[in-house]
Structure formats: C-alpha cells, structure tokens
Amino acid sequence: MSYINAAVAAAFEEVASGLEERVEHFSSSYATDEDVVKAQFLSEIVDELRRVGAQLTE
C-alpha cells in the first residue's frame, strides 16, 4: 500500500464520517418521504466512499 493510497483512503473516511453525521442530523430533523429518500441516497454515497477507501488500502 502506498502512502498516497493511505492518505486518499483517510480523506474518504473523513468525508464519509462528516457526511454520515449530517445524514443522521438530517434524518432526525426532517420526516417527509422526499427527505427520507434523500437521506437514503446520501447514506449510499457514504457506503461507497468507505468501500473505495477500503479498496485503496488492500
């Protein structure tokens, strides 16, 4: 694993964690069906960032 890959993976995790916190706040603050769909979409982005970050460090 290169140092660059590790740095990029750490950045992805940082972004994913921040986005996840916002999604949790967003989900608890708003309850319309449209907002729930948006929160689910953002959660999928979080999962994808973490998946790609994990691949970089394999």
PDB file of N, CA and C in Angstrom:
ATOM      1  N   MET A   1       0.844  -1.171   0.000  1.00  0.00           N
ATOM      2  CA  MET A   1       0.000   0.000   0.000  1.00  0.00           C
ATOM      3  C   MET A   1       0.893   1.240   0.000  1.00  0.00           C
ATOM      4  N   SER A   2       0.564   2.142  -0.870  1.00  0.00           N
ATOM      5  CA  SER A   2       1.367   3.361  -0.927  1.00  0.00           C
ATOM      6  C   SER A   2       0.851   4.395   0.070  1.00  0.00           C
ATOM      7  N   TYR A   3       1.712   5.325   0.367  1.00  0.00           N
ATOM      8  CA  TYR A   3       1.325   6.409   1.276  1.00  0.00           C
ATOM      9  C   TYR A   3       0.217   7.261   0.671  1.00  0.00           C
ATOM     10  N   ILE A   4       0.242   7.420  -0.646  1.00  0.00           N
ATOM     11  CA  ILE A   4      -0.800   8.200  -1.319  1.00  0.00           C
ATOM     12  C   ILE A   4      -2.151   7.512  -1.169  1.00  0.00           C
ATOM     13  N   ASN A   5      -2.179   6.201  -1.391  1.00  0.00           N
ATOM     14  CA  ASN A   5      -3.437   5.463  -1.236  1.00  0.00           C
ATOM     15  C   ASN A   5      -3.960   5.574   0.190  1.00  0.00           C
ATOM     16  N   ALA A   6      -3.072   5.471   1.150  1.00  0.00           N
ATOM     17  CA  ALA A   6      -3.473   5.578   2.549  1.00  0.00           C
ATOM     18  C   ALA A   6      -4.030   6.962   2.852  1.00  0.00           C
ATOM     19  N   ALA A   7      -3.406   7.984   2.293  1.00  0.00           N
ATOM     20  CA  ALA A   7      -3.874   9.355   2.517  1.00  0.00           C
ATOM     21  C   ALA A   7      -5.239   9.581   1.873  1.00  0.00           C
ATOM     22  N   VAL A   8      -5.408   9.080   0.669  1.00  0.00           N
ATOM     23  CA  VAL A   8      -6.697   9.221  -0.017  1.00  0.00           C
ATOM     24  C   VAL A   8      -7.774   8.438   0.737  1.00  0.00           C
ATOM     25  N   ALA A   9      -7.462   7.239   1.185  1.00  0.00           N
ATOM     26  CA  ALA A   9      -8.423   6.434   1.945  1.00  0.00           C
ATOM     27  C   ALA A   9      -8.819   7.148   3.239  1.00  0.00           C
ATOM     28  N   ALA A  10      -7.854   7.767   3.907  1.00  0.00           N
ATOM     29  CA  ALA A  10      -8.152   8.513   5.132  1.00  0.00           C
ATOM     30  C   ALA A  10      -9.034   9.718   4.832  1.00  0.00           C
ATOM     31  N   ALA A  11      -8.784  10.377   3.723  1.00  0.00           N
ATOM     32  CA  ALA A  11      -9.622  11.517   3.327  1.00  0.00           C
ATOM     33  C   ALA A  11     -11.043  11.064   3.017  1.00  0.00           C
ATOM     34  N   PHE A  12     -11.172   9.939   2.320  1.00  0.00           N
ATOM     35  CA  PHE A  12     -12.504   9.397   2.029  1.00  0.00           C
ATOM     36  C   PHE A  12     -13.241   9.089   3.325  1.00  0.00           C
ATOM     37  N   GLU A  13     -12.550   8.508   4.283  1.00  0.00           N
ATOM     38  CA  GLU A  13     -13.182   8.169   5.566  1.00  0.00           C
ATOM     39  C   GLU A  13     -13.612   9.430   6.300  1.00  0.00           C
ATOM     40  N   GLU A  14     -12.798  10.446   6.251  1.00  0.00           N
ATOM     41  CA  GLU A  14     -13.134  11.719   6.901  1.00  0.00           C
ATOM     42  C   GLU A  14     -14.384  12.329   6.263  1.00  0.00           C
ATOM     43  N   VAL A  15     -14.438  12.338   4.953  1.00  0.00           N
ATOM     44  CA  VAL A  15     -15.611  12.865   4.249  1.00  0.00           C
ATOM     45  C   VAL A  15     -16.839  12.007   4.561  1.00  0.00           C
ATOM     46  N   ALA A  16     -16.674  10.694   4.531  1.00  0.00           N
ATOM     47  CA  ALA A  16     -17.789   9.784   4.808  1.00  0.00           C
ATOM     48  C   ALA A  16     -18.323   9.989   6.224  1.00  0.00           C
ATOM     49  N   SER A  17     -17.431  10.146   7.188  1.00  0.00           N
ATOM     50  CA  SER A  17     -17.866  10.343   8.571  1.00  0.00           C
ATOM     51  C   SER A  17     -18.632  11.654   8.736  1.00  0.00           C
ATOM     52  N   GLY A  18     -18.123  12.717   8.135  1.00  0.00           N
ATOM     53  CA  GLY A  18     -18.811  14.003   8.203  1.00  0.00           C
ATOM     54  C   GLY A  18     -20.161  13.965   7.534  1.00  0.00           C
ATOM     55  N   LEU A  19     -20.212  13.325   6.373  1.00  0.00           N
ATOM     56  CA  LEU A  19     -21.479  13.207   5.656  1.00  0.00           C
ATOM     57  C   LEU A  19     -22.461  12.346   6.436  1.00  0.00           C
ATOM     58  N   GLU A  20     -21.961  11.291   7.050  1.00  0.00           N
ATOM     59  CA  GLU A  20     -22.817  10.412   7.845  1.00  0.00           C
ATOM     60  C   GLU A  20     -23.445  11.174   9.022  1.00  0.00           C
ATOM     61  N   GLU A  21     -22.655  12.026   9.667  1.00  0.00           N
ATOM     62  CA  GLU A  21     -23.185  12.841  10.762  1.00  0.00           C
ATOM     63  C   GLU A  21     -24.291  13.766  10.270  1.00  0.00           C
ATOM     64  N   ARG A  22     -24.074  14.353   9.098  1.00  0.00           N
ATOM     65  CA  ARG A  22     -25.096  15.246   8.543  1.00  0.00           C
ATOM     66  C   ARG A  22     -26.357  14.482   8.165  1.00  0.00           C
ATOM     67  N   VAL A  23     -26.191  13.286   7.626  1.00  0.00           N
ATOM     68  CA  VAL A  23     -27.342  12.462   7.264  1.00  0.00           C
ATOM     69  C   VAL A  23     -28.143  12.116   8.511  1.00  0.00           C
ATOM     70  N   GLU A  24     -27.460  11.751   9.589  1.00  0.00           N
ATOM     71  CA  GLU A  24     -28.158  11.419  10.834  1.00  0.00           C
ATOM     72  C   GLU A  24     -28.928  12.622  11.364  1.00  0.00           C
ATOM     73  N   HIS A  25     -28.312  13.786  11.323  1.00  0.00           N
ATOM     74  CA  HIS A  25     -28.989  15.003  11.768  1.00  0.00           C
ATOM     75  C   HIS A  25     -30.172  15.310  10.857  1.00  0.00           C
ATOM     76  N   PHE A  26     -29.937  15.221   9.556  1.00  0.00           N
ATOM     77  CA  PHE A  26     -30.959  15.494   8.559  1.00  0.00           C
ATOM     78  C   PHE A  26     -32.132  14.545   8.744  1.00  0.00           C
ATOM     79  N   SER A  27     -31.852  13.267   8.941  1.00  0.00           N
ATOM     80  CA  SER A  27     -32.901  12.255   9.089  1.00  0.00           C
ATOM     81  C   SER A  27     -33.730  12.487  10.346  1.00  0.00           C
ATOM     82  N   SER A  28     -33.088  12.925  11.407  1.00  0.00           N
ATOM     83  CA  SER A  28     -33.822  13.122  12.651  1.00  0.00           C
ATOM     84  C   SER A  28     -34.582  14.448  12.658  1.00  0.00           C
ATOM     85  N   SER A  29     -34.185  15.384  11.812  1.00  0.00           N
ATOM     86  CA  SER A  29     -34.811  16.704  11.801  1.00  0.00           C
ATOM     87  C   SER A  29     -35.974  16.820  10.827  1.00  0.00           C
ATOM     88  N   TYR A  30     -35.967  16.014   9.806  1.00  0.00           N
ATOM     89  CA  TYR A  30     -36.979  16.113   8.759  1.00  0.00           C
ATOM     90  C   TYR A  30     -37.582  14.743   8.519  1.00  0.00           C
ATOM     91  N   ALA A  31     -38.869  14.713   8.254  1.00  0.00           N
ATOM     92  CA  ALA A  31     -39.505  13.405   8.161  1.00  0.00           C
ATOM     93  C   ALA A  31     -40.397  13.232   6.935  1.00  0.00           C
ATOM     94  N   THR A  32     -40.297  14.091   5.945  1.00  0.00           N
ATOM     95  CA  THR A  32     -41.121  13.891   4.767  1.00  0.00           C
ATOM     96  C   THR A  32     -40.566  12.713   3.959  1.00  0.00           C
ATOM     97  N   ASP A  33     -41.404  12.129   3.151  1.00  0.00           N
ATOM     98  CA  ASP A  33     -40.969  10.996   2.321  1.00  0.00           C
ATOM     99  C   ASP A  33     -39.819  11.385   1.404  1.00  0.00           C
ATOM    100  N   GLU A  34     -39.890  12.579   0.846  1.00  0.00           N
ATOM    101  CA  GLU A  34     -38.835  13.034  -0.056  1.00  0.00           C
ATOM    102  C   GLU A  34     -37.512  13.178   0.690  1.00  0.00           C
ATOM    103  N   ASP A  35     -37.554  13.685   1.902  1.00  0.00           N
ATOM    104  CA  ASP A  35     -36.343  13.843   2.698  1.00  0.00           C
ATOM    105  C   ASP A  35     -35.742  12.505   3.095  1.00  0.00           C
ATOM    106  N   VAL A  36     -36.592  11.524   3.362  1.00  0.00           N
ATOM    107  CA  VAL A  36     -36.107  10.185   3.698  1.00  0.00           C
ATOM    108  C   VAL A  36     -35.367   9.582   2.501  1.00  0.00           C
ATOM    109  N   VAL A  37     -35.900   9.788   1.311  1.00  0.00           N
ATOM    110  CA  VAL A  37     -35.248   9.289   0.094  1.00  0.00           C
ATOM    111  C   VAL A  37     -33.892   9.966  -0.086  1.00  0.00           C
ATOM    112  N   LYS A  38     -33.831  11.274   0.159  1.00  0.00           N
ATOM    113  CA  LYS A  38     -32.555  11.990   0.054  1.00  0.00           C
ATOM    114  C   LYS A  38     -31.548  11.454   1.064  1.00  0.00           C
ATOM    115  N   ALA A  39     -32.000  11.202   2.269  1.00  0.00           N
ATOM    116  CA  ALA A  39     -31.103  10.681   3.309  1.00  0.00           C
ATOM    117  C   ALA A  39     -30.595   9.296   2.932  1.00  0.00           C
ATOM    118  N   GLN A  40     -31.452   8.467   2.343  1.00  0.00           N
ATOM    119  CA  GLN A  40     -31.026   7.137   1.917  1.00  0.00           C
ATOM    120  C   GLN A  40     -29.976   7.243   0.816  1.00  0.00           C
ATOM    121  N   PHE A  41     -30.179   8.176  -0.108  1.00  0.00           N
ATOM    122  CA  PHE A  41     -29.218   8.382  -1.191  1.00  0.00           C
ATOM    123  C   PHE A  41     -27.867   8.818  -0.629  1.00  0.00           C
ATOM    124  N   LEU A  42     -27.883   9.755   0.310  1.00  0.00           N
ATOM    125  CA  LEU A  42     -26.639  10.208   0.924  1.00  0.00           C
ATOM    126  C   LEU A  42     -25.953   9.073   1.689  1.00  0.00           C
ATOM    127  N   SER A  43     -26.731   8.219   2.310  1.00  0.00           N
ATOM    128  CA  SER A  43     -26.160   7.060   3.013  1.00  0.00           C
ATOM    129  C   SER A  43     -25.457   6.118   2.044  1.00  0.00           C
ATOM    130  N   GLU A  44     -26.010   5.979   0.847  1.00  0.00           N
ATOM    131  CA  GLU A  44     -25.370   5.148  -0.171  1.00  0.00           C
ATOM    132  C   GLU A  44     -24.033   5.755  -0.596  1.00  0.00           C
ATOM    133  N   ILE A  45     -23.961   7.073  -0.672  1.00  0.00           N
ATOM    134  CA  ILE A  45     -22.702   7.742  -1.000  1.00  0.00           C
ATOM    135  C   ILE A  45     -21.669   7.479   0.091  1.00  0.00           C
ATOM    136  N   VAL A  46     -22.089   7.554   1.351  1.00  0.00           N
ATOM    137  CA  VAL A  46     -21.200   7.262   2.479  1.00  0.00           C
ATOM    138  C   VAL A  46     -20.643   5.847   2.347  1.00  0.00           C
ATOM    139  N   ASP A  47     -21.514   4.888   2.080  1.00  0.00           N
ATOM    140  CA  ASP A  47     -21.086   3.497   1.936  1.00  0.00           C
ATOM    141  C   ASP A  47     -20.086   3.339   0.797  1.00  0.00           C
ATOM    142  N   GLU A  48     -20.345   4.034  -0.312  1.00  0.00           N
ATOM    143  CA  GLU A  48     -19.462   3.931  -1.471  1.00  0.00           C
ATOM    144  C   GLU A  48     -18.094   4.547  -1.176  1.00  0.00           C
ATOM    145  N   LEU A  49     -18.068   5.679  -0.493  1.00  0.00           N
ATOM    146  CA  LEU A  49     -16.785   6.288  -0.117  1.00  0.00           C
ATOM    147  C   LEU A  49     -15.976   5.333   0.750  1.00  0.00           C
ATOM    148  N   ARG A  50     -16.630   4.698   1.689  1.00  0.00           N
ATOM    149  CA  ARG A  50     -15.917   3.760   2.567  1.00  0.00           C
ATOM    150  C   ARG A  50     -15.456   2.526   1.808  1.00  0.00           C
ATOM    151  N   ARG A  51     -16.259   2.046   0.873  1.00  0.00           N
ATOM    152  CA  ARG A  51     -15.877   0.876   0.077  1.00  0.00           C
ATOM    153  C   ARG A  51     -14.643   1.174  -0.766  1.00  0.00           C
ATOM    154  N   VAL A  52     -14.645   2.316  -1.425  1.00  0.00           N
ATOM    155  CA  VAL A  52     -13.498   2.693  -2.255  1.00  0.00           C
ATOM    156  C   VAL A  52     -12.259   2.919  -1.388  1.00  0.00           C
ATOM    157  N   GLY A  53     -12.434   3.556  -0.234  1.00  0.00           N
ATOM    158  CA  GLY A  53     -11.310   3.764   0.675  1.00  0.00           C
ATOM    159  C   GLY A  53     -10.716   2.447   1.121  1.00  0.00           C
ATOM    160  N   ALA A  54     -11.574   1.477   1.410  1.00  0.00           N
ATOM    161  CA  ALA A  54     -11.087   0.154   1.838  1.00  0.00           C
ATOM    162  C   ALA A  54     -10.323  -0.533   0.702  1.00  0.00           C
ATOM    163  N   GLN A  55     -10.794  -0.381  -0.520  1.00  0.00           N
ATOM    164  CA  GLN A  55     -10.098  -0.983  -1.663  1.00  0.00           C
ATOM    165  C   GLN A  55      -8.709  -0.377  -1.837  1.00  0.00           C
ATOM    166  N   LEU A  56      -8.588   0.903  -1.572  1.00  0.00           N
ATOM    167  CA  LEU A  56      -7.285   1.563  -1.728  1.00  0.00           C
ATOM    168  C   LEU A  56      -6.254   1.048  -0.744  1.00  0.00           C
ATOM    169  N   THR A  57      -6.720   0.562   0.395  1.00  0.00           N
ATOM    170  CA  THR A  57      -5.777   0.128   1.421  1.00  0.00           C
ATOM    171  C   THR A  57      -5.566  -1.394   1.433  1.00  0.00           C
ATOM    172  N   GLU A  58      -6.146  -2.086   0.477  1.00  0.00           N
ATOM    173  CA  GLU A  58      -5.948  -3.548   0.405  1.00  0.00           C
ATOM    174  C   GLU A  58      -4.579  -3.881  -0.146  1.00  0.00           C
TER     175      GLU A  58
END
